[in-house]
N, C-alpha and C. Protein backbone atom coordinates (compact mmCIF):
# COMPACT_ATOMS: atom_id res chain seq x y z
N PRO A 1 15.47 -36.81 -44.41
CA PRO A 1 16.63 -37.27 -45.14
C PRO A 1 16.59 -39.02 -45.03
N THR A 2 17.13 -39.52 -46.11
CA THR A 2 16.98 -41.16 -46.35
C THR A 2 18.01 -41.52 -45.91
N LYS A 3 19.34 -41.12 -46.02
CA LYS A 3 20.62 -41.82 -45.66
C LYS A 3 20.93 -41.09 -44.08
N PRO A 4 21.48 -41.95 -43.31
CA PRO A 4 22.30 -41.68 -42.11
C PRO A 4 23.34 -40.40 -42.45
N GLY A 5 23.47 -39.32 -41.81
CA GLY A 5 24.35 -38.44 -42.21
C GLY A 5 23.77 -37.22 -43.04
N ASN A 6 22.70 -37.70 -43.79
CA ASN A 6 22.10 -36.58 -44.44
C ASN A 6 21.33 -35.52 -43.50
N ASP A 7 21.02 -35.90 -42.40
CA ASP A 7 20.45 -34.84 -41.61
C ASP A 7 21.31 -33.66 -41.12
N ASP A 8 22.60 -34.15 -41.04
CA ASP A 8 23.71 -33.11 -40.89
C ASP A 8 23.81 -32.08 -42.34
N VAL A 9 23.51 -32.77 -43.19
CA VAL A 9 23.48 -31.97 -44.50
C VAL A 9 22.48 -30.84 -44.54
N ALA A 10 21.28 -31.41 -44.22
CA ALA A 10 20.14 -30.64 -43.95
C ALA A 10 20.29 -29.44 -42.95
N GLY A 11 20.83 -30.01 -41.85
CA GLY A 11 21.13 -28.86 -40.82
C GLY A 11 21.96 -27.92 -41.06
N LEU A 12 23.08 -28.24 -41.87
CA LEU A 12 24.07 -27.15 -42.45
C LEU A 12 23.32 -26.40 -43.51
N LYS A 13 22.43 -26.72 -44.44
CA LYS A 13 21.83 -25.96 -45.08
C LYS A 13 20.82 -24.86 -44.45
N ILE A 14 20.27 -25.30 -43.46
CA ILE A 14 19.37 -24.34 -42.73
C ILE A 14 20.17 -23.45 -42.06
N PHE A 15 21.27 -24.05 -41.27
CA PHE A 15 22.32 -23.27 -40.50
C PHE A 15 22.66 -21.99 -41.47
N ILE A 16 23.18 -22.02 -42.75
CA ILE A 16 23.57 -21.08 -43.51
C ILE A 16 22.60 -20.11 -43.69
N GLU A 17 21.27 -20.49 -43.83
CA GLU A 17 20.17 -19.62 -43.98
C GLU A 17 20.04 -18.38 -42.77
N LEU A 18 20.48 -18.78 -41.64
CA LEU A 18 20.52 -17.79 -40.54
C LEU A 18 21.37 -16.44 -40.87
N PHE A 19 22.34 -16.46 -41.84
CA PHE A 19 23.19 -15.46 -41.86
C PHE A 19 22.72 -14.45 -43.13
N GLN A 20 22.63 -13.46 -43.04
CA GLN A 20 22.21 -12.42 -43.96
C GLN A 20 23.20 -11.57 -44.62
N PRO A 21 23.42 -11.24 -45.89
CA PRO A 21 24.36 -10.56 -46.67
C PRO A 21 24.75 -9.23 -45.68
N LEU A 22 26.03 -9.07 -45.66
CA LEU A 22 26.79 -7.97 -44.97
C LEU A 22 27.64 -7.23 -46.16
N ASN A 23 27.95 -6.01 -46.03
CA ASN A 23 28.90 -5.43 -46.87
C ASN A 23 30.32 -5.91 -46.35
N VAL A 24 31.18 -6.16 -47.03
CA VAL A 24 32.68 -6.75 -46.68
C VAL A 24 33.54 -5.86 -47.62
N SER A 25 34.68 -5.61 -46.88
CA SER A 25 35.62 -4.79 -47.53
C SER A 25 36.79 -5.55 -48.36
N CYS A 26 36.99 -5.38 -49.47
CA CYS A 26 38.17 -6.01 -50.03
C CYS A 26 39.24 -4.96 -50.35
N LYS A 27 40.51 -5.36 -50.17
CA LYS A 27 41.54 -4.62 -50.43
C LYS A 27 42.16 -5.14 -51.83
N ARG A 28 42.40 -4.05 -52.59
CA ARG A 28 42.94 -4.41 -54.08
C ARG A 28 44.31 -3.68 -54.17
N THR A 29 45.09 -4.33 -54.50
CA THR A 29 46.58 -3.67 -54.70
C THR A 29 46.61 -3.56 -56.28
N HIS A 30 46.98 -2.39 -56.55
CA HIS A 30 47.12 -2.00 -58.09
C HIS A 30 48.70 -1.47 -58.08
N GLY A 31 49.56 -2.18 -57.79
CA GLY A 31 51.02 -1.89 -58.07
C GLY A 31 51.52 -1.56 -56.46
N PRO A 32 52.94 -1.15 -56.49
CA PRO A 32 53.50 -0.94 -55.13
C PRO A 32 52.81 0.39 -54.44
N GLY A 33 52.52 0.36 -53.36
CA GLY A 33 52.16 1.54 -52.67
C GLY A 33 50.67 2.11 -53.14
N ASN A 34 49.86 1.25 -54.08
CA ASN A 34 48.64 1.64 -54.64
C ASN A 34 47.60 0.72 -54.03
N THR A 35 47.02 0.65 -52.81
CA THR A 35 45.96 -0.17 -52.51
C THR A 35 44.63 0.51 -52.40
N GLN A 36 43.59 -0.18 -52.83
CA GLN A 36 42.26 0.43 -52.64
C GLN A 36 41.50 -0.31 -51.97
N LYS A 37 40.60 0.35 -51.35
CA LYS A 37 39.69 -0.35 -50.49
C LYS A 37 38.33 -0.39 -51.25
N ASN A 38 37.56 -1.51 -51.54
CA ASN A 38 36.37 -1.53 -52.19
C ASN A 38 35.42 -2.39 -51.23
N TYR A 39 34.16 -2.04 -51.30
CA TYR A 39 32.99 -2.77 -50.60
C TYR A 39 32.31 -3.73 -51.44
N TRP A 40 32.00 -4.77 -50.97
CA TRP A 40 31.17 -5.54 -51.74
C TRP A 40 30.22 -6.33 -50.82
N ARG A 41 28.87 -6.71 -51.38
CA ARG A 41 27.86 -7.08 -50.57
C ARG A 41 27.58 -8.52 -51.39
N PRO A 42 28.04 -9.61 -50.85
CA PRO A 42 27.65 -10.91 -51.44
C PRO A 42 26.29 -11.32 -51.26
N SER A 43 25.72 -11.86 -52.32
CA SER A 43 24.63 -12.43 -52.26
C SER A 43 24.23 -13.63 -51.24
N LYS A 44 23.03 -14.26 -51.07
CA LYS A 44 22.80 -15.23 -50.37
C LYS A 44 23.38 -16.38 -51.16
N SER A 45 23.34 -16.50 -52.32
CA SER A 45 24.13 -17.57 -53.09
C SER A 45 25.43 -17.71 -52.91
N GLU A 46 26.28 -16.49 -52.76
CA GLU A 46 27.51 -16.25 -52.50
C GLU A 46 28.03 -16.82 -51.24
N ILE A 47 27.18 -16.41 -50.28
CA ILE A 47 27.65 -16.73 -48.91
C ILE A 47 27.46 -18.13 -48.73
N LYS A 48 26.42 -18.91 -49.30
CA LYS A 48 26.33 -20.25 -49.39
C LYS A 48 27.45 -20.88 -50.11
N GLN A 49 27.81 -20.48 -51.12
CA GLN A 49 29.09 -21.01 -51.88
C GLN A 49 30.30 -20.82 -51.13
N GLY A 50 30.36 -19.68 -50.41
CA GLY A 50 31.53 -19.32 -49.62
C GLY A 50 31.66 -20.36 -48.66
N PHE A 51 30.77 -20.91 -48.13
CA PHE A 51 30.74 -21.95 -47.04
C PHE A 51 30.78 -23.48 -47.62
N ILE A 52 29.93 -23.79 -48.50
CA ILE A 52 29.84 -25.11 -49.07
C ILE A 52 29.42 -24.92 -50.66
N CYS A 53 30.30 -25.61 -51.31
CA CYS A 53 29.67 -25.79 -52.91
C CYS A 53 29.07 -27.23 -52.77
N PHE A 54 28.09 -26.96 -53.40
CA PHE A 54 27.18 -28.32 -53.87
C PHE A 54 27.36 -28.63 -55.28
N THR A 55 27.55 -29.84 -55.74
CA THR A 55 27.53 -30.24 -56.84
C THR A 55 27.06 -31.61 -57.13
N ASN A 56 26.70 -31.94 -58.35
CA ASN A 56 26.19 -33.40 -58.52
C ASN A 56 27.04 -34.19 -59.36
N ASP A 57 28.22 -33.51 -59.55
CA ASP A 57 29.07 -34.32 -60.61
C ASP A 57 30.48 -34.29 -60.02
N ILE A 58 31.20 -35.34 -59.57
CA ILE A 58 32.53 -35.24 -58.97
C ILE A 58 33.55 -34.92 -59.83
N SER A 59 33.30 -34.68 -61.24
CA SER A 59 34.29 -34.48 -62.06
C SER A 59 34.44 -32.92 -62.40
N ARG A 60 33.54 -32.20 -61.54
CA ARG A 60 33.70 -30.79 -61.64
C ARG A 60 34.34 -30.21 -60.28
N LEU A 61 35.08 -30.95 -59.52
CA LEU A 61 35.90 -30.60 -58.46
C LEU A 61 36.64 -29.41 -58.97
N LYS A 62 37.55 -29.78 -60.03
CA LYS A 62 38.53 -28.79 -60.58
C LYS A 62 38.12 -27.53 -61.02
N ASP A 63 36.88 -27.81 -61.78
CA ASP A 63 36.10 -26.62 -62.46
C ASP A 63 35.75 -25.58 -61.40
N ILE A 64 35.14 -26.29 -60.22
CA ILE A 64 34.66 -25.34 -59.19
C ILE A 64 35.92 -24.56 -58.54
N ASP A 65 37.00 -25.30 -58.39
CA ASP A 65 38.25 -24.68 -57.70
C ASP A 65 38.63 -23.57 -58.65
N LYS A 66 38.61 -23.82 -59.84
CA LYS A 66 39.02 -22.86 -60.85
C LYS A 66 38.34 -21.63 -60.78
N GLU A 67 36.94 -21.78 -60.88
CA GLU A 67 35.86 -20.66 -60.51
C GLU A 67 36.32 -19.97 -59.43
N LYS A 68 36.59 -20.70 -58.17
CA LYS A 68 36.71 -19.81 -56.95
C LYS A 68 38.05 -19.06 -56.95
N SER A 69 39.11 -19.65 -57.57
CA SER A 69 40.32 -19.06 -57.57
C SER A 69 39.99 -17.75 -58.64
N GLU A 70 39.56 -17.68 -59.68
CA GLU A 70 39.45 -16.85 -60.67
C GLU A 70 38.53 -15.54 -59.71
N LYS A 71 37.41 -16.06 -59.20
CA LYS A 71 36.52 -14.81 -58.49
C LYS A 71 37.47 -14.38 -57.25
N ALA A 72 38.33 -15.00 -56.55
CA ALA A 72 39.17 -14.61 -55.59
C ALA A 72 40.14 -13.50 -56.12
N LEU A 73 40.64 -13.79 -57.40
CA LEU A 73 41.58 -13.10 -57.97
C LEU A 73 40.75 -11.73 -58.34
N ARG A 74 39.64 -11.75 -58.98
CA ARG A 74 38.88 -10.55 -59.36
C ARG A 74 38.68 -9.80 -57.97
N LEU A 75 38.48 -10.29 -57.09
CA LEU A 75 38.40 -9.41 -55.66
C LEU A 75 39.62 -9.23 -54.92
N GLY A 76 40.82 -9.42 -55.63
CA GLY A 76 42.08 -9.04 -54.91
C GLY A 76 42.20 -9.98 -53.66
N GLN A 77 41.82 -11.15 -53.76
CA GLN A 77 41.82 -12.17 -52.54
C GLN A 77 42.66 -13.27 -52.76
N THR A 78 43.06 -13.94 -51.71
CA THR A 78 43.61 -15.45 -52.02
C THR A 78 42.31 -16.40 -51.77
N ILE A 79 42.52 -17.77 -52.40
CA ILE A 79 41.66 -18.80 -52.24
C ILE A 79 41.89 -19.22 -50.99
N GLN A 80 40.69 -19.51 -49.95
CA GLN A 80 40.82 -20.04 -48.70
C GLN A 80 40.24 -21.38 -48.83
N PRO A 81 40.38 -22.24 -47.76
CA PRO A 81 40.10 -23.45 -47.78
C PRO A 81 38.32 -23.47 -47.92
N TYR A 82 37.88 -24.40 -48.43
CA TYR A 82 36.31 -24.53 -48.50
C TYR A 82 35.90 -26.05 -48.79
N MET A 83 34.61 -25.96 -48.55
CA MET A 83 34.11 -27.51 -48.71
C MET A 83 33.10 -27.64 -49.87
N ILE A 84 33.25 -28.90 -50.35
CA ILE A 84 32.58 -29.26 -51.74
C ILE A 84 31.79 -30.55 -51.05
N PHE A 85 30.53 -30.50 -51.37
CA PHE A 85 29.60 -31.83 -51.09
C PHE A 85 29.14 -32.27 -52.56
N VAL A 86 29.23 -33.71 -52.72
CA VAL A 86 28.88 -33.94 -54.07
C VAL A 86 27.72 -35.18 -53.78
N GLY A 87 26.61 -34.90 -54.41
CA GLY A 87 25.59 -36.07 -54.30
C GLY A 87 24.53 -35.85 -55.47
N GLU A 88 23.73 -36.82 -55.72
CA GLU A 88 22.60 -36.58 -56.80
C GLU A 88 21.61 -35.50 -56.37
N HIS A 89 21.45 -34.77 -57.48
CA HIS A 89 20.54 -33.50 -57.43
C HIS A 89 20.93 -32.56 -56.35
N CYS A 90 22.34 -32.29 -56.11
CA CYS A 90 22.96 -31.68 -55.19
C CYS A 90 22.57 -30.03 -55.50
N SER A 91 22.53 -30.09 -56.85
CA SER A 91 22.40 -28.45 -57.18
C SER A 91 20.76 -28.04 -56.97
N SER A 92 20.09 -28.99 -56.67
CA SER A 92 18.68 -28.62 -56.17
C SER A 92 18.88 -28.15 -54.85
N LEU A 93 18.05 -26.99 -54.50
CA LEU A 93 17.98 -26.36 -53.07
C LEU A 93 17.48 -27.38 -52.03
N ASP A 94 16.45 -28.07 -52.30
CA ASP A 94 16.17 -28.92 -51.26
C ASP A 94 16.85 -30.44 -51.14
N SER A 95 17.72 -30.64 -52.15
CA SER A 95 18.19 -31.82 -51.90
C SER A 95 19.40 -32.00 -50.88
N VAL A 96 19.27 -33.34 -50.06
CA VAL A 96 20.52 -33.44 -49.05
C VAL A 96 21.06 -34.59 -49.23
N ASP A 97 20.89 -35.12 -50.33
CA ASP A 97 21.40 -36.71 -50.68
C ASP A 97 22.79 -36.51 -51.02
N VAL A 98 23.70 -36.32 -50.28
CA VAL A 98 25.17 -36.28 -50.65
C VAL A 98 25.83 -37.59 -50.15
N HIS A 99 26.72 -37.94 -50.99
CA HIS A 99 27.56 -39.22 -50.84
C HIS A 99 29.24 -38.91 -50.73
N SER A 100 29.53 -37.62 -51.01
CA SER A 100 30.89 -37.56 -50.77
C SER A 100 31.20 -36.12 -50.10
N PHE A 101 32.19 -35.81 -49.46
CA PHE A 101 32.47 -34.75 -48.78
C PHE A 101 34.06 -34.22 -49.03
N TYR A 102 34.31 -33.13 -49.39
CA TYR A 102 35.69 -32.87 -49.71
C TYR A 102 35.88 -31.39 -48.96
N VAL A 103 37.23 -31.12 -48.70
CA VAL A 103 37.71 -29.81 -48.15
C VAL A 103 38.58 -29.58 -49.40
N ALA A 104 38.80 -28.47 -49.80
CA ALA A 104 39.72 -27.99 -50.81
C ALA A 104 40.57 -27.11 -50.33
N ILE A 105 41.95 -27.51 -50.45
CA ILE A 105 43.08 -26.71 -49.84
C ILE A 105 43.98 -26.57 -50.74
N ASN A 106 44.51 -25.37 -51.14
CA ASN A 106 45.47 -25.17 -52.18
C ASN A 106 45.48 -26.11 -53.30
N HIS A 107 44.02 -25.99 -53.92
CA HIS A 107 43.86 -26.85 -55.12
C HIS A 107 43.95 -28.47 -55.03
N ASN A 108 44.04 -28.83 -53.60
CA ASN A 108 44.10 -30.24 -53.38
C ASN A 108 42.72 -30.52 -52.74
N PHE A 109 42.24 -31.84 -52.92
CA PHE A 109 40.91 -32.09 -52.55
C PHE A 109 41.11 -33.31 -51.53
N LEU A 110 40.65 -33.13 -50.10
CA LEU A 110 40.67 -34.06 -49.26
C LEU A 110 39.39 -34.60 -48.97
N LYS A 111 39.24 -36.01 -49.19
CA LYS A 111 37.92 -36.45 -49.01
C LYS A 111 37.71 -36.92 -47.53
N LEU A 112 36.48 -36.76 -47.00
CA LEU A 112 36.33 -36.95 -45.64
C LEU A 112 34.97 -37.57 -45.61
N GLU A 113 34.67 -38.25 -44.35
CA GLU A 113 33.70 -39.30 -44.10
C GLU A 113 32.23 -38.71 -44.08
N THR A 114 32.26 -37.62 -43.50
CA THR A 114 30.90 -36.91 -43.12
C THR A 114 30.91 -35.41 -43.34
N ALA A 115 29.82 -34.92 -43.38
CA ALA A 115 29.47 -33.52 -43.35
C ALA A 115 30.13 -32.69 -42.29
N LEU A 116 30.09 -33.29 -41.05
CA LEU A 116 30.55 -32.56 -39.86
C LEU A 116 32.12 -32.65 -39.78
N LYS A 117 32.79 -33.81 -40.39
CA LYS A 117 34.18 -34.07 -40.38
C LYS A 117 34.76 -33.01 -41.41
N ALA A 118 34.08 -32.67 -42.44
CA ALA A 118 34.47 -31.80 -43.17
C ALA A 118 34.59 -30.11 -42.74
N VAL A 119 33.50 -29.84 -41.98
CA VAL A 119 33.52 -28.52 -41.23
C VAL A 119 34.43 -28.65 -40.21
N ASP A 120 34.71 -29.66 -39.58
CA ASP A 120 36.00 -29.62 -38.81
C ASP A 120 37.05 -29.45 -39.11
N VAL A 121 37.53 -30.08 -40.12
CA VAL A 121 38.84 -30.08 -40.78
C VAL A 121 38.91 -28.80 -41.38
N CYS A 122 38.00 -28.16 -42.25
CA CYS A 122 38.17 -27.04 -42.80
C CYS A 122 38.34 -25.81 -41.54
N PHE A 123 37.55 -25.98 -40.68
CA PHE A 123 37.74 -24.97 -39.50
C PHE A 123 39.17 -25.25 -39.00
N LYS A 124 39.51 -26.13 -38.75
CA LYS A 124 40.95 -26.55 -38.08
C LYS A 124 41.95 -26.14 -39.02
N THR A 125 41.64 -26.39 -40.30
CA THR A 125 42.63 -25.54 -41.45
C THR A 125 42.98 -24.16 -41.41
N PHE A 126 41.84 -23.50 -41.00
CA PHE A 126 42.09 -21.98 -41.00
C PHE A 126 42.98 -21.81 -39.88
N PHE A 127 42.54 -22.35 -38.74
CA PHE A 127 43.66 -22.07 -37.58
C PHE A 127 44.93 -22.55 -37.71
N SER A 128 45.20 -23.80 -38.11
CA SER A 128 46.71 -24.37 -38.21
C SER A 128 47.29 -23.72 -39.12
N LEU A 129 46.70 -23.20 -40.35
CA LEU A 129 47.62 -22.51 -41.34
C LEU A 129 47.62 -20.94 -41.29
N ASP A 130 47.07 -20.31 -40.17
CA ASP A 130 46.73 -19.02 -39.90
C ASP A 130 46.16 -18.36 -41.13
N MET A 131 45.05 -18.98 -41.49
CA MET A 131 44.31 -18.24 -42.87
C MET A 131 42.95 -17.53 -42.37
N ASN A 132 42.62 -16.59 -43.15
CA ASN A 132 41.44 -15.91 -43.04
C ASN A 132 40.22 -16.69 -43.41
N TYR A 133 39.29 -16.42 -42.80
CA TYR A 133 37.84 -17.02 -43.63
C TYR A 133 37.62 -16.40 -44.69
N PRO A 134 36.91 -17.04 -45.67
CA PRO A 134 36.46 -16.49 -46.91
C PRO A 134 35.64 -15.35 -46.58
N LEU A 135 35.72 -14.09 -47.35
CA LEU A 135 35.05 -12.67 -46.87
C LEU A 135 33.61 -13.06 -46.77
N GLU A 136 33.08 -13.88 -47.97
CA GLU A 136 31.62 -14.10 -48.03
C GLU A 136 30.93 -15.00 -46.92
N SER A 137 31.67 -15.79 -46.35
CA SER A 137 31.26 -16.73 -45.36
C SER A 137 31.92 -16.31 -43.82
N ASP A 138 32.61 -15.19 -43.73
CA ASP A 138 33.22 -14.93 -42.57
C ASP A 138 32.29 -15.05 -41.16
N GLN A 139 31.13 -14.59 -41.30
CA GLN A 139 30.51 -14.58 -40.28
C GLN A 139 29.85 -15.92 -39.69
N ILE A 140 29.56 -16.78 -40.79
CA ILE A 140 29.33 -18.22 -40.57
C ILE A 140 30.49 -18.91 -39.81
N TRP A 141 31.76 -18.82 -40.22
CA TRP A 141 32.92 -19.23 -39.71
C TRP A 141 33.32 -18.71 -38.28
N GLN A 142 32.95 -17.34 -37.97
CA GLN A 142 33.03 -16.75 -36.70
C GLN A 142 32.09 -17.33 -35.96
N PHE A 143 30.81 -17.55 -36.28
CA PHE A 143 30.03 -18.36 -35.34
C PHE A 143 30.40 -19.59 -34.84
N ILE A 144 30.73 -20.34 -35.87
CA ILE A 144 31.37 -21.87 -35.47
C ILE A 144 32.49 -21.74 -34.50
N GLN A 145 33.56 -20.80 -34.70
CA GLN A 145 34.61 -20.56 -34.05
C GLN A 145 34.13 -20.24 -32.67
N LYS A 146 33.31 -19.38 -32.43
CA LYS A 146 32.95 -18.93 -31.08
C LYS A 146 32.02 -19.80 -30.30
N TYR A 147 31.04 -20.39 -31.20
CA TYR A 147 29.99 -21.25 -30.37
C TYR A 147 30.39 -22.63 -30.26
N PHE A 148 30.90 -23.30 -31.24
CA PHE A 148 31.15 -24.67 -31.39
C PHE A 148 32.58 -25.10 -30.63
N TYR A 149 33.30 -24.07 -31.14
CA TYR A 149 34.83 -24.41 -30.59
C TYR A 149 35.25 -23.63 -29.45
N SER A 150 34.48 -22.45 -29.01
CA SER A 150 34.70 -21.52 -27.98
C SER A 150 36.16 -20.91 -27.97
N VAL A 151 36.38 -20.53 -29.01
CA VAL A 151 37.78 -19.97 -29.34
C VAL A 151 37.49 -18.53 -29.67
N SER A 152 38.42 -17.50 -29.08
CA SER A 152 38.19 -16.00 -29.35
C SER A 152 39.58 -15.67 -29.63
N THR A 153 39.81 -14.75 -30.43
CA THR A 153 41.13 -14.12 -30.75
C THR A 153 41.02 -12.63 -30.83
N LYS A 154 42.27 -12.04 -30.85
CA LYS A 154 42.15 -10.57 -30.99
C LYS A 154 41.88 -10.03 -32.20
N TYR A 155 41.71 -11.08 -33.26
CA TYR A 155 41.58 -10.76 -34.68
C TYR A 155 39.95 -10.91 -34.99
N ASP A 156 39.30 -11.42 -34.04
CA ASP A 156 37.80 -11.47 -34.58
C ASP A 156 36.97 -10.26 -34.80
N LYS A 157 36.30 -10.39 -35.82
CA LYS A 157 35.44 -9.15 -36.26
C LYS A 157 34.16 -9.35 -35.29
N ASN A 158 33.56 -8.10 -35.01
CA ASN A 158 32.37 -8.30 -34.15
C ASN A 158 31.11 -8.01 -34.97
N TYR A 159 30.47 -9.20 -35.24
CA TYR A 159 29.26 -9.33 -35.82
C TYR A 159 28.20 -9.44 -34.86
N GLN A 160 27.15 -8.32 -34.97
CA GLN A 160 26.05 -8.25 -33.89
C GLN A 160 25.22 -9.51 -34.19
N MET A 161 25.01 -9.91 -35.30
CA MET A 161 24.07 -11.03 -35.34
C MET A 161 24.66 -12.39 -34.89
N VAL A 162 26.06 -12.65 -34.99
CA VAL A 162 26.67 -14.00 -34.30
C VAL A 162 26.66 -13.58 -32.85
N ASN A 163 26.91 -12.46 -32.36
CA ASN A 163 27.07 -12.14 -30.90
C ASN A 163 25.64 -12.43 -30.34
N SER A 164 24.47 -11.91 -30.80
CA SER A 164 23.17 -11.92 -30.32
C SER A 164 22.83 -13.53 -30.36
N THR A 165 22.91 -14.17 -31.45
CA THR A 165 22.64 -15.51 -31.64
C THR A 165 23.26 -16.37 -30.40
N ILE A 166 24.43 -16.13 -30.37
CA ILE A 166 25.14 -17.02 -29.37
C ILE A 166 24.64 -16.54 -27.90
N LYS A 167 24.40 -15.36 -27.65
CA LYS A 167 23.86 -15.07 -26.50
C LYS A 167 22.34 -15.67 -26.11
N GLU A 168 21.64 -15.70 -27.11
CA GLU A 168 20.31 -16.29 -27.00
C GLU A 168 20.44 -17.97 -26.90
N LEU A 169 21.48 -18.32 -27.55
CA LEU A 169 21.53 -19.78 -27.36
C LEU A 169 22.16 -20.26 -26.04
N ASN A 170 23.16 -19.47 -25.51
CA ASN A 170 23.59 -19.76 -24.09
C ASN A 170 22.63 -19.47 -23.11
N SER A 171 21.57 -18.53 -23.28
CA SER A 171 20.71 -18.52 -22.05
C SER A 171 19.40 -19.23 -22.31
N ALA A 172 19.38 -20.05 -23.40
CA ALA A 172 18.24 -20.85 -23.40
C ALA A 172 18.41 -22.25 -22.46
């Protein structure tokens, strides 16, 4: 990384790679009393975009939000807070040259100073507004919650990979 802070972006990109796609259940409501449970296996790309959306064009913020809203609607979900990082060549997988960090909450964009500040604000938004993590990135947020913030709740899902990674890191 050539700029201060871009090492955090590189670290987050590598961190996301730890998490493999898992089946997630989506409840869809088709009228009163007609709820159907479907299963969906997000791709690696969907897992990444469920955690951080990267774009090289700041004018795309509203387009990204619209796309995420439409996808959530198709899955019978609500849109949850998420991060958007903006920088030159950000659509490239190996680029970490990010200059702007946003957290999107209810179609509003909060600009933050650093990548880690964006993660912190996004995480704290889930807790302060009592919101669920996005389905496709749930295991990433569960790891952050348990390892970095040492928070456990009765609503936590039990992900074997998350638990074993935390156990290994704690024993090192």
